Amino acid sequence: DMELMKQNNNHHMVDYLLIDTEGHESVVLQGALQTLRMKKVKMIVFEYHRVGMWAYTRVGTVVDLLDAEGYDCYWMGVNRLWPITGCYNAKMEFHNWANVACFLRGHAYHNVAQKYVIDLDRMHDEGYI
């Protein structure tokens, strides 16, 4: 319960926030901003596609919002994470189904995730950035 988290903000952490709202993920994240600002959510995963609000919302806008709150975001692949934060470009607006994982910087989850991150030089060589 988010209200309980606000009242007891020194004791509660959310390990994993999964958002699958059939195209309204960006709206849910906007609504969660106060909780995200408290740095109590360690990891966020949401779907990205062309349904619902994604028809009008850039993934770059959502990633920028999360970056400002202390999260690094990645496309989820098979045993790989492809960076979005810090290297976004318009080629990433492909509007197919994909999952995005965002980790709170400085948290152990973020540190563990780094071993799965694809090197930026490789992304450049393959034409992603």
Protein backbone atom coordinates (compact mmCIF):
# COMPACT_ATOMS: atom_id res chain seq x y z
CA ASP A 1 0.00 0.00 0.00
CA MET A 2 1.60 3.26 -1.16
CA GLU A 3 -0.06 5.29 1.64
CA LEU A 4 1.47 2.99 4.24
CA MET A 5 4.87 3.44 2.58
CA LYS A 6 4.52 7.21 2.89
CA GLN A 7 3.66 6.96 6.59
CA ASN A 8 6.51 4.57 7.36
CA ASN A 9 9.03 5.67 4.77
CA ASN A 10 12.01 4.59 6.85
CA HIS A 11 11.00 0.94 6.94
CA HIS A 12 9.47 -0.09 3.63
CA MET A 13 11.09 -0.77 0.29
CA VAL A 14 9.54 -2.13 -2.87
CA ASP A 15 11.90 -4.64 -4.46
CA TYR A 16 10.17 -4.98 -7.79
CA LEU A 17 7.43 -2.87 -9.36
CA LEU A 18 5.95 -4.59 -12.43
CA ILE A 19 3.65 -2.42 -14.55
CA ASP A 20 1.56 -4.12 -17.23
CA THR A 21 -1.44 -1.90 -17.86
CA GLU A 22 -1.99 -2.52 -21.57
CA GLY A 23 -0.63 0.76 -22.86
CA HIS A 24 -1.04 2.99 -19.82
CA GLU A 25 2.34 2.31 -18.21
CA SER A 26 3.50 5.91 -18.68
CA VAL A 27 0.42 7.19 -16.83
CA VAL A 28 1.03 4.77 -13.94
CA LEU A 29 4.65 5.94 -13.71
CA GLN A 30 3.52 9.59 -13.62
CA GLY A 31 1.19 8.67 -10.76
CA ALA A 32 4.01 6.89 -8.92
CA LEU A 33 6.42 9.85 -9.05
CA GLN A 34 6.04 10.76 -5.38
CA THR A 35 6.89 7.21 -4.35
CA LEU A 36 9.81 7.06 -6.80
CA ARG A 37 11.19 10.32 -5.39
CA MET A 38 11.39 8.66 -1.96
CA LYS A 39 13.91 6.19 -3.51
CA LYS A 40 11.96 3.26 -2.08
CA VAL A 41 11.51 1.30 -5.33
CA LYS A 42 14.60 -0.70 -6.26
CA MET A 43 13.56 -1.96 -9.69
CA ILE A 44 10.78 -1.14 -12.17
CA VAL A 45 9.75 -3.22 -15.18
CA PHE A 46 7.18 -2.01 -17.69
CA GLU A 47 5.95 -2.92 -21.14
CA TYR A 48 6.50 -0.71 -24.17
CA HIS A 49 4.47 -1.09 -27.38
CA ARG A 50 2.07 0.76 -29.65
CA VAL A 51 -1.16 0.26 -27.70
CA GLY A 52 -2.90 2.86 -25.55
CA MET A 53 -0.90 5.89 -24.49
CA TRP A 54 2.26 4.54 -26.13
CA ALA A 55 0.80 5.68 -29.45
CA TYR A 56 1.38 9.24 -28.16
CA THR A 57 4.22 8.84 -25.67
CA ARG A 58 7.91 8.45 -26.47
CA VAL A 59 9.85 5.88 -24.48
CA GLY A 60 12.58 8.54 -24.30
CA THR A 61 10.25 10.85 -22.36
CA VAL A 62 9.52 8.13 -19.80
CA VAL A 63 13.19 7.19 -19.50
CA ASP A 64 14.13 10.86 -19.00
CA LEU A 65 11.52 11.09 -16.22
CA LEU A 66 12.95 8.01 -14.50
CA ASP A 67 16.53 9.19 -15.03
CA ALA A 68 15.67 12.41 -13.17
CA GLU A 69 14.44 10.27 -10.25
CA GLY A 70 17.67 8.24 -10.09
CA TYR A 71 16.97 5.25 -12.35
CA ASP A 72 18.90 3.77 -15.26
CA CYS A 73 16.66 2.04 -17.84
CA TYR A 74 17.42 -0.79 -20.25
CA TRP A 75 15.66 -2.83 -22.91
CA MET A 76 15.36 -6.37 -21.58
CA GLY A 77 16.76 -9.07 -23.82
CA VAL A 78 17.65 -12.71 -23.32
CA ASN A 79 20.35 -12.54 -20.64
CA ARG A 80 21.16 -9.01 -21.81
CA LEU A 81 20.23 -5.43 -20.97
CA TRP A 82 20.48 -2.81 -23.72
CA PRO A 83 21.00 0.72 -22.30
CA ILE A 84 18.42 3.42 -22.95
CA THR A 85 19.37 5.98 -20.27
CA GLY A 86 22.15 8.21 -21.54
CA CYS A 87 22.10 6.94 -25.11
CA TYR A 88 18.50 7.36 -26.25
CA ASN A 89 17.87 8.15 -29.91
CA ALA A 90 14.84 8.16 -32.20
CA LYS A 91 15.64 4.65 -33.50
CA MET A 92 14.42 3.38 -30.14
CA GLU A 93 10.85 4.46 -30.91
CA PHE A 94 10.02 1.24 -32.75
CA HIS A 95 6.67 0.60 -30.97
CA ASN A 96 6.92 -3.18 -30.91
CA TRP A 97 6.37 -5.13 -27.74
CA ALA A 98 9.35 -4.92 -25.41
CA ASN A 99 10.06 -4.80 -21.71
CA VAL A 100 12.03 -2.03 -20.06
CA ALA A 101 13.85 -2.59 -16.76
CA CYS A 102 14.90 0.37 -14.64
CA PHE A 103 17.19 0.10 -11.62
CA LEU A 104 17.70 2.61 -8.82
CA ARG A 105 21.27 3.87 -9.16
CA GLY A 106 23.49 2.99 -6.23
CA HIS A 107 21.37 0.04 -5.14
CA ALA A 108 22.70 -3.53 -5.19
CA TYR A 109 20.19 -4.48 -7.93
CA HIS A 110 21.69 -1.81 -10.18
CA ASN A 111 25.17 -3.13 -9.48
CA VAL A 112 24.21 -6.74 -10.29
CA ALA A 113 22.42 -5.66 -13.49
CA GLN A 114 25.65 -4.16 -14.84
CA LYS A 115 27.06 -7.60 -15.65
CA TYR A 116 24.22 -8.05 -18.20
CA VAL A 117 24.53 -4.63 -19.89
CA ILE A 118 25.60 -4.62 -23.54
CA ASP A 119 28.63 -2.42 -24.16
CA LEU A 120 27.83 0.99 -25.71
CA ASP A 121 30.55 0.52 -28.35
CA ARG A 122 28.83 -2.67 -29.49
CA MET A 123 25.48 -0.84 -29.65
CA HIS A 124 27.11 1.84 -31.79
CA ASP A 125 28.73 -0.73 -34.09
CA GLU A 126 25.38 -2.47 -34.55
CA GLY A 127 23.64 0.82 -35.41
CA TYR A 128 21.47 1.19 -32.30
CA ILE A 129 22.98 4.55 -31.32
